[in-house]
């Protein structure tokens, strides 16, 4: 379950460990570690906005629930897109290619047989 909570935060910053970011939001870090996280947030405005929004939540359990719900929604949306992409892909029709080649070969053989019969008849 802890891994699920980290999923939505994994794209925020490459400099900040997601575990530390969650601990920072829950105020479980030492002063030095908090300073390090805040220093990393200065470099990433998107992550800073996300953390600011999560900090505005009063109930920490509610924050964990929201992160979990965001992860579920994100996974559902990506699964839908993945299924749609798979449906749009061209499927392997090797049997179709083989049958077209066989028909072309039969047409060529018939042409030569008919041409040979006409030349013998004259």
Protein backbone atom coordinates (compact mmCIF):
# COMPACT_ATOMS: atom_id res chain seq x y z
CA UNK A 1 0.00 0.00 0.00
CA UNK A 2 2.88 2.36 0.71
CA UNK A 3 4.16 1.73 -2.83
CA UNK A 4 0.78 2.77 -4.25
CA UNK A 5 0.97 6.06 -2.39
CA UNK A 6 4.32 6.80 -3.96
CA UNK A 7 3.20 6.17 -7.56
CA UNK A 8 1.52 9.51 -8.12
CA UNK A 9 4.46 11.34 -6.61
CA UNK A 10 7.09 9.49 -8.63
CA UNK A 11 6.98 11.94 -11.55
CA UNK A 12 7.32 15.08 -9.47
CA UNK A 13 11.06 15.30 -9.06
CA UNK A 14 14.09 13.20 -9.76
CA UNK A 15 16.12 14.93 -7.03
CA UNK A 16 13.74 14.17 -4.17
CA UNK A 17 13.08 10.64 -3.00
CA UNK A 18 9.34 10.00 -3.03
CA UNK A 19 9.51 8.33 0.38
CA UNK A 20 11.13 11.46 1.80
CA UNK A 21 8.54 13.63 0.11
CA UNK A 22 5.73 11.71 1.80
CA UNK A 23 7.55 11.90 5.12
CA UNK A 24 8.02 15.63 4.58
CA UNK A 25 4.29 16.05 3.99
CA UNK A 26 3.57 14.10 7.17
CA UNK A 27 6.19 16.13 9.06
CA UNK A 28 8.28 13.08 9.97
CA UNK A 29 11.69 14.40 8.84
CA UNK A 30 14.46 16.05 10.79
CA UNK A 31 15.23 19.74 10.22
CA UNK A 32 18.21 18.92 7.96
CA UNK A 33 16.17 16.54 5.85
CA UNK A 34 13.32 19.05 5.61
CA UNK A 35 15.79 21.69 4.44
CA UNK A 36 17.13 19.29 1.78
CA UNK A 37 13.61 18.57 0.50
CA UNK A 38 12.70 22.27 0.47
CA UNK A 39 15.89 23.03 -1.44
CA UNK A 40 14.90 20.44 -4.05
CA UNK A 41 11.39 21.91 -4.28
CA UNK A 42 12.82 25.32 -5.16
CA UNK A 43 14.32 23.84 -8.34
CA UNK A 44 11.05 22.15 -9.39
CA UNK A 45 8.05 24.51 -9.45
CA UNK A 46 5.63 21.73 -10.44
CA UNK A 47 6.63 19.64 -7.43
CA UNK A 48 6.47 22.71 -5.20
CA UNK A 49 2.89 23.41 -6.33
CA UNK A 50 1.91 19.79 -5.77
CA UNK A 51 3.42 19.75 -2.29
CA UNK A 52 1.79 23.08 -1.48
CA UNK A 53 -1.60 21.71 -2.48
CA UNK A 54 -1.10 18.56 -0.43
CA UNK A 55 0.05 20.60 2.57
CA UNK A 56 -3.22 22.50 2.59
CA UNK A 57 -5.03 19.32 3.52
CA UNK A 58 -5.61 19.29 7.26
CA UNK A 59 -6.19 15.57 7.72
CA UNK A 60 -3.07 13.51 6.94
CA UNK A 61 -5.08 10.30 6.58
CA UNK A 62 -7.24 12.06 4.03
CA UNK A 63 -4.08 13.03 2.14
CA UNK A 64 -2.99 9.40 1.97
CA UNK A 65 -6.47 8.45 0.77
CA UNK A 66 -6.40 11.14 -1.92
CA UNK A 67 -2.99 10.00 -3.15
CA UNK A 68 -4.26 6.42 -3.29
CA UNK A 69 -7.38 7.50 -5.19
CA UNK A 70 -5.29 9.52 -7.65
CA UNK A 71 -3.13 6.46 -8.25
CA UNK A 72 -6.18 4.30 -8.94
CA UNK A 73 -7.66 6.85 -11.33
CA UNK A 74 -4.33 7.25 -13.10
CA UNK A 75 -4.00 3.49 -13.53
CA UNK A 76 -7.57 3.20 -14.85
CA UNK A 77 -7.00 5.92 -17.41
CA UNK A 78 -3.70 4.49 -18.58
CA UNK A 79 -5.27 1.01 -18.86
CA UNK A 80 -8.09 2.41 -21.01
CA UNK A 81 -5.59 4.17 -23.27
CA UNK A 82 -3.47 1.04 -23.50
CA UNK A 83 -6.47 -1.11 -24.47
CA UNK A 84 -7.57 1.45 -27.04
CA UNK A 85 -4.08 1.57 -28.56
CA UNK A 86 -4.00 -2.21 -28.78
CA UNK A 87 -7.37 -2.25 -30.55
CA UNK A 88 -6.18 0.31 -33.09
CA UNK A 89 -3.01 -1.59 -33.94
CA UNK A 90 -2.93 -3.58 -37.16
CA UNK A 91 -3.08 -7.23 -36.43
CA UNK A 92 -0.80 -9.78 -38.03
CA UNK A 93 -2.56 -11.11 -41.13
CA UNK A 94 0.05 -13.56 -42.35
CA UNK A 95 -2.65 -15.96 -43.56
CA UNK A 96 -4.04 -13.18 -45.74
CA UNK A 97 -0.62 -12.46 -47.26
CA UNK A 98 -0.11 -16.16 -47.95
CA UNK A 99 -3.48 -16.51 -49.67
CA UNK A 100 -2.79 -13.43 -51.87
CA UNK A 101 0.59 -14.86 -52.90
CA UNK A 102 -1.02 -18.23 -53.75
CA UNK A 103 -3.71 -16.52 -55.88
CA UNK A 104 -1.05 -14.49 -57.73
CA UNK A 105 0.99 -17.64 -58.38
CA UNK A 106 -2.13 -19.44 -59.69
CA UNK A 107 -2.92 -16.51 -62.00
CA UNK A 108 0.64 -16.54 -63.37
CA UNK A 109 0.51 -20.32 -63.91
CA UNK A 110 -2.89 -20.02 -65.68
CA UNK A 111 -1.50 -17.27 -67.90
CA UNK A 112 1.45 -19.42 -68.98
CA UNK A 113 -0.77 -22.49 -69.53
CA UNK A 114 -3.22 -20.49 -71.66
CA UNK A 115 -0.37 -18.82 -73.57
CA UNK A 116 1.25 -22.23 -74.17
CA UNK A 117 -2.06 -23.75 -75.38
CA UNK A 118 -2.60 -20.88 -77.83
CA UNK A 119 0.88 -21.16 -79.25
CA UNK A 120 0.51 -24.95 -79.77
CA UNK A 121 -2.87 -24.51 -81.47
CA UNK A 122 -1.50 -22.27 -84.21
